[in-house]
N, C-alpha and C. Protein backbone atom coordinates (compact mmCIF):
# COMPACT_ATOMS: atom_id res chain seq x y z
N MET A 1 163.94 23.32 -84.84
CA MET A 1 163.39 22.20 -84.99
C MET A 1 162.06 21.86 -84.78
N MET A 2 161.23 20.87 -85.60
CA MET A 2 159.96 20.80 -85.37
C MET A 2 159.90 19.38 -84.75
N LEU A 3 159.22 19.31 -83.79
CA LEU A 3 158.67 18.08 -83.31
C LEU A 3 157.61 17.46 -83.80
N GLU A 4 158.03 16.08 -84.15
CA GLU A 4 156.84 15.22 -84.99
C GLU A 4 155.86 14.69 -84.00
N ILE A 5 154.62 15.01 -83.97
CA ILE A 5 153.72 14.69 -83.02
C ILE A 5 152.69 13.70 -83.56
N ARG A 6 152.94 13.23 -84.60
CA ARG A 6 152.13 11.92 -85.18
C ARG A 6 152.37 10.64 -84.31
N PRO A 7 153.61 10.23 -84.22
CA PRO A 7 153.92 9.04 -83.33
C PRO A 7 153.45 9.25 -81.83
N LEU A 8 153.32 10.37 -81.23
CA LEU A 8 152.85 10.53 -79.96
C LEU A 8 151.35 10.12 -80.15
N GLY A 9 150.80 10.67 -81.04
CA GLY A 9 149.24 10.45 -81.22
C GLY A 9 148.79 8.94 -81.30
N LYS A 10 149.75 8.17 -82.13
CA LYS A 10 149.63 6.96 -82.25
C LYS A 10 149.78 6.15 -81.00
N ALA A 11 150.74 6.46 -80.32
CA ALA A 11 151.08 5.70 -78.92
C ALA A 11 150.01 6.18 -77.97
N LEU A 12 149.32 7.11 -78.05
CA LEU A 12 148.29 7.40 -76.91
C LEU A 12 146.93 6.69 -77.38
N ILE A 13 146.77 6.70 -78.83
CA ILE A 13 145.47 5.66 -79.07
C ILE A 13 145.74 4.52 -78.79
N PHE A 14 146.96 3.84 -79.17
CA PHE A 14 147.36 2.42 -78.75
C PHE A 14 147.21 2.39 -77.09
N ALA A 15 147.90 3.16 -76.38
CA ALA A 15 147.66 2.95 -74.94
C ALA A 15 146.20 3.05 -74.40
N GLY A 16 145.37 3.85 -74.90
CA GLY A 16 144.13 3.97 -74.83
C GLY A 16 143.33 2.64 -74.73
N ILE A 17 143.55 2.16 -75.99
CA ILE A 17 143.01 0.75 -76.39
C ILE A 17 143.52 -0.48 -75.47
N VAL A 18 144.88 -0.32 -75.19
CA VAL A 18 145.31 -1.35 -74.09
C VAL A 18 144.43 -1.04 -72.54
N PHE A 19 144.19 0.15 -72.41
CA PHE A 19 143.39 0.13 -70.91
C PHE A 19 141.99 0.03 -71.27
N ILE A 20 141.27 -0.04 -72.32
CA ILE A 20 140.05 -0.20 -72.50
C ILE A 20 140.08 -1.89 -72.32
N PHE A 21 141.01 -2.53 -73.00
CA PHE A 21 140.98 -4.02 -72.98
C PHE A 21 141.15 -4.65 -71.52
N ILE A 22 142.13 -3.92 -70.76
CA ILE A 22 142.38 -4.29 -69.44
C ILE A 22 141.25 -4.15 -68.47
N GLY A 23 140.34 -2.86 -68.89
CA GLY A 23 139.30 -2.74 -68.15
C GLY A 23 138.26 -3.64 -68.29
N ILE A 24 137.85 -4.31 -69.51
CA ILE A 24 137.03 -5.03 -70.01
C ILE A 24 137.38 -6.48 -69.26
N LEU A 25 138.64 -6.70 -69.24
CA LEU A 25 139.26 -7.95 -68.57
C LEU A 25 138.84 -8.00 -67.22
N ILE A 26 138.93 -6.75 -66.46
CA ILE A 26 138.58 -6.58 -64.92
C ILE A 26 137.06 -6.86 -64.94
N LEU A 27 136.41 -6.25 -65.57
CA LEU A 27 135.19 -6.09 -65.34
C LEU A 27 134.36 -7.59 -65.72
N TRP A 28 134.76 -8.10 -66.64
CA TRP A 28 134.32 -9.63 -67.23
C TRP A 28 135.10 -10.64 -67.04
N GLY A 29 136.34 -10.42 -66.36
CA GLY A 29 137.12 -11.53 -66.27
C GLY A 29 136.38 -12.62 -65.58
N GLY A 30 135.82 -12.65 -64.44
CA GLY A 30 135.28 -13.73 -63.75
C GLY A 30 134.05 -14.27 -64.44
N LYS A 31 133.57 -13.61 -65.70
CA LYS A 31 132.28 -14.52 -66.36
C LYS A 31 132.87 -15.25 -67.54
N ILE A 32 134.24 -15.09 -67.78
CA ILE A 32 134.75 -15.67 -68.94
C ILE A 32 135.04 -17.16 -68.60
N PRO A 33 134.32 -18.26 -69.00
CA PRO A 33 134.51 -19.50 -68.87
C PRO A 33 136.01 -19.95 -68.91
N LEU A 34 136.51 -20.69 -67.99
CA LEU A 34 137.79 -21.51 -67.86
C LEU A 34 139.06 -20.42 -67.89
N LEU A 35 138.60 -19.13 -67.64
CA LEU A 35 139.88 -18.16 -67.70
C LEU A 35 140.33 -18.39 -66.26
N GLY A 36 141.52 -18.84 -65.98
CA GLY A 36 142.14 -18.92 -64.53
C GLY A 36 141.80 -20.52 -64.02
N LYS A 37 141.20 -21.23 -64.99
CA LYS A 37 140.95 -22.59 -64.50
C LYS A 37 141.59 -23.47 -65.49
N LEU A 38 142.38 -23.15 -66.20
CA LEU A 38 143.14 -23.93 -67.45
C LEU A 38 143.94 -25.03 -66.77
N PRO A 39 144.05 -26.01 -67.37
CA PRO A 39 145.10 -27.09 -67.14
C PRO A 39 146.40 -26.54 -67.01
N GLY A 40 147.31 -26.57 -66.22
CA GLY A 40 148.69 -25.99 -65.88
C GLY A 40 148.45 -24.80 -65.26
N ASP A 41 147.34 -24.24 -64.78
CA ASP A 41 147.66 -23.14 -63.75
C ASP A 41 147.85 -23.84 -62.21
N ILE A 42 148.65 -23.40 -61.50
CA ILE A 42 149.27 -23.89 -60.38
C ILE A 42 148.13 -23.12 -59.17
N HIS A 43 147.61 -24.22 -58.45
CA HIS A 43 146.75 -23.72 -57.34
C HIS A 43 147.21 -24.83 -56.03
N ILE A 44 147.57 -24.36 -55.09
CA ILE A 44 148.15 -24.90 -53.95
C ILE A 44 147.17 -24.54 -52.72
N LYS A 45 146.62 -25.34 -52.14
CA LYS A 45 145.67 -24.92 -50.90
C LYS A 45 145.72 -25.81 -49.69
N ARG A 46 146.35 -25.15 -48.59
CA ARG A 46 146.53 -25.76 -47.47
C ARG A 46 145.62 -25.50 -46.35
N ASP A 47 145.75 -25.72 -45.10
CA ASP A 47 144.83 -25.31 -44.21
C ASP A 47 144.77 -23.68 -43.81
N THR A 48 146.21 -23.12 -43.71
CA THR A 48 146.16 -21.83 -43.59
C THR A 48 146.89 -20.90 -44.71
N PHE A 49 147.13 -21.58 -45.82
CA PHE A 49 147.83 -20.97 -46.90
C PHE A 49 147.19 -21.46 -48.12
N GLN A 50 147.36 -20.34 -49.13
CA GLN A 50 146.59 -20.53 -50.42
C GLN A 50 147.49 -20.00 -51.34
N PHE A 51 147.98 -20.72 -52.54
CA PHE A 51 148.89 -19.98 -53.61
C PHE A 51 148.34 -20.45 -54.90
N TYR A 52 148.06 -19.44 -55.72
CA TYR A 52 147.50 -19.60 -57.18
C TYR A 52 148.48 -18.58 -57.93
N PHE A 53 148.86 -19.37 -59.00
CA PHE A 53 149.47 -18.89 -60.07
C PHE A 53 148.97 -19.22 -61.46
N PRO A 54 148.30 -18.49 -62.24
CA PRO A 54 147.69 -19.12 -63.44
C PRO A 54 148.83 -19.18 -64.72
N LEU A 55 149.68 -20.08 -64.45
CA LEU A 55 150.44 -20.22 -65.59
C LEU A 55 150.23 -20.45 -67.00
N ALA A 56 149.41 -21.36 -67.17
CA ALA A 56 148.93 -21.39 -68.48
C ALA A 56 147.92 -20.32 -69.16
N THR A 57 146.91 -19.70 -68.10
CA THR A 57 146.20 -18.66 -68.60
C THR A 57 147.16 -17.41 -69.00
N CYS A 58 148.21 -17.24 -68.31
CA CYS A 58 149.26 -16.31 -68.56
C CYS A 58 149.80 -16.36 -70.13
N LEU A 59 150.16 -17.50 -70.31
CA LEU A 59 150.60 -18.13 -71.38
C LEU A 59 149.60 -17.77 -72.75
N LEU A 60 148.35 -18.05 -72.43
CA LEU A 60 147.33 -17.92 -73.39
C LEU A 60 147.14 -16.37 -73.82
N LEU A 61 147.05 -15.61 -72.58
CA LEU A 61 146.71 -14.39 -72.98
C LEU A 61 147.97 -13.61 -73.38
N SER A 62 149.46 -14.08 -73.13
CA SER A 62 150.51 -13.59 -74.01
C SER A 62 150.55 -14.00 -75.42
N LEU A 63 149.95 -15.28 -75.80
CA LEU A 63 149.90 -15.52 -77.06
C LEU A 63 148.68 -14.46 -77.92
N LEU A 64 147.66 -14.54 -77.13
CA LEU A 64 146.54 -13.58 -78.03
C LEU A 64 146.94 -12.33 -78.09
N ILE A 65 147.61 -11.74 -77.11
CA ILE A 65 148.10 -10.25 -77.34
C ILE A 65 149.12 -10.11 -78.11
N THR A 66 150.07 -11.04 -78.50
CA THR A 66 151.26 -11.03 -79.15
C THR A 66 150.56 -11.14 -80.54
N ILE A 67 149.62 -11.88 -80.80
CA ILE A 67 148.83 -12.06 -82.04
C ILE A 67 148.22 -10.76 -82.56
N ILE A 68 147.38 -10.25 -81.61
CA ILE A 68 146.66 -8.90 -81.80
C ILE A 68 147.81 -7.85 -82.15
N ILE A 69 149.06 -7.63 -81.54
CA ILE A 69 149.79 -6.66 -81.67
C ILE A 69 150.35 -6.84 -83.17
N ALA A 70 150.58 -8.09 -83.46
CA ALA A 70 150.92 -8.40 -84.93
C ALA A 70 150.37 -8.08 -85.97
N LEU A 71 149.03 -8.19 -85.61
CA LEU A 71 147.96 -7.81 -86.67
C LEU A 71 147.72 -6.49 -86.87
N ILE A 72 147.72 -5.67 -85.65
CA ILE A 72 147.89 -4.12 -85.73
C ILE A 72 149.24 -3.58 -86.26
N ARG A 73 150.35 -4.11 -86.25
CA ARG A 73 151.50 -3.61 -86.81
C ARG A 73 151.48 -3.71 -88.35
N ARG A 74 150.59 -4.46 -88.88
CA ARG A 74 150.93 -4.76 -90.51
C ARG A 74 150.45 -3.69 -91.07
């Protein structure tokens, strides 16, 4: 029985691209305007408590990643 290596190679290349994309977001994420400050991002600040959940930013990034993956799969 011969093991097919080609799918493993494609998966490793895709994982590498994902890690590069995540690294770029970590390095330059703070410099991208409006990222994390969109309308719909939840930010509650009290005297001793701060809660932040970037809901709109998460939805936008999810949509972009879905589009990119759909284009790659074609």
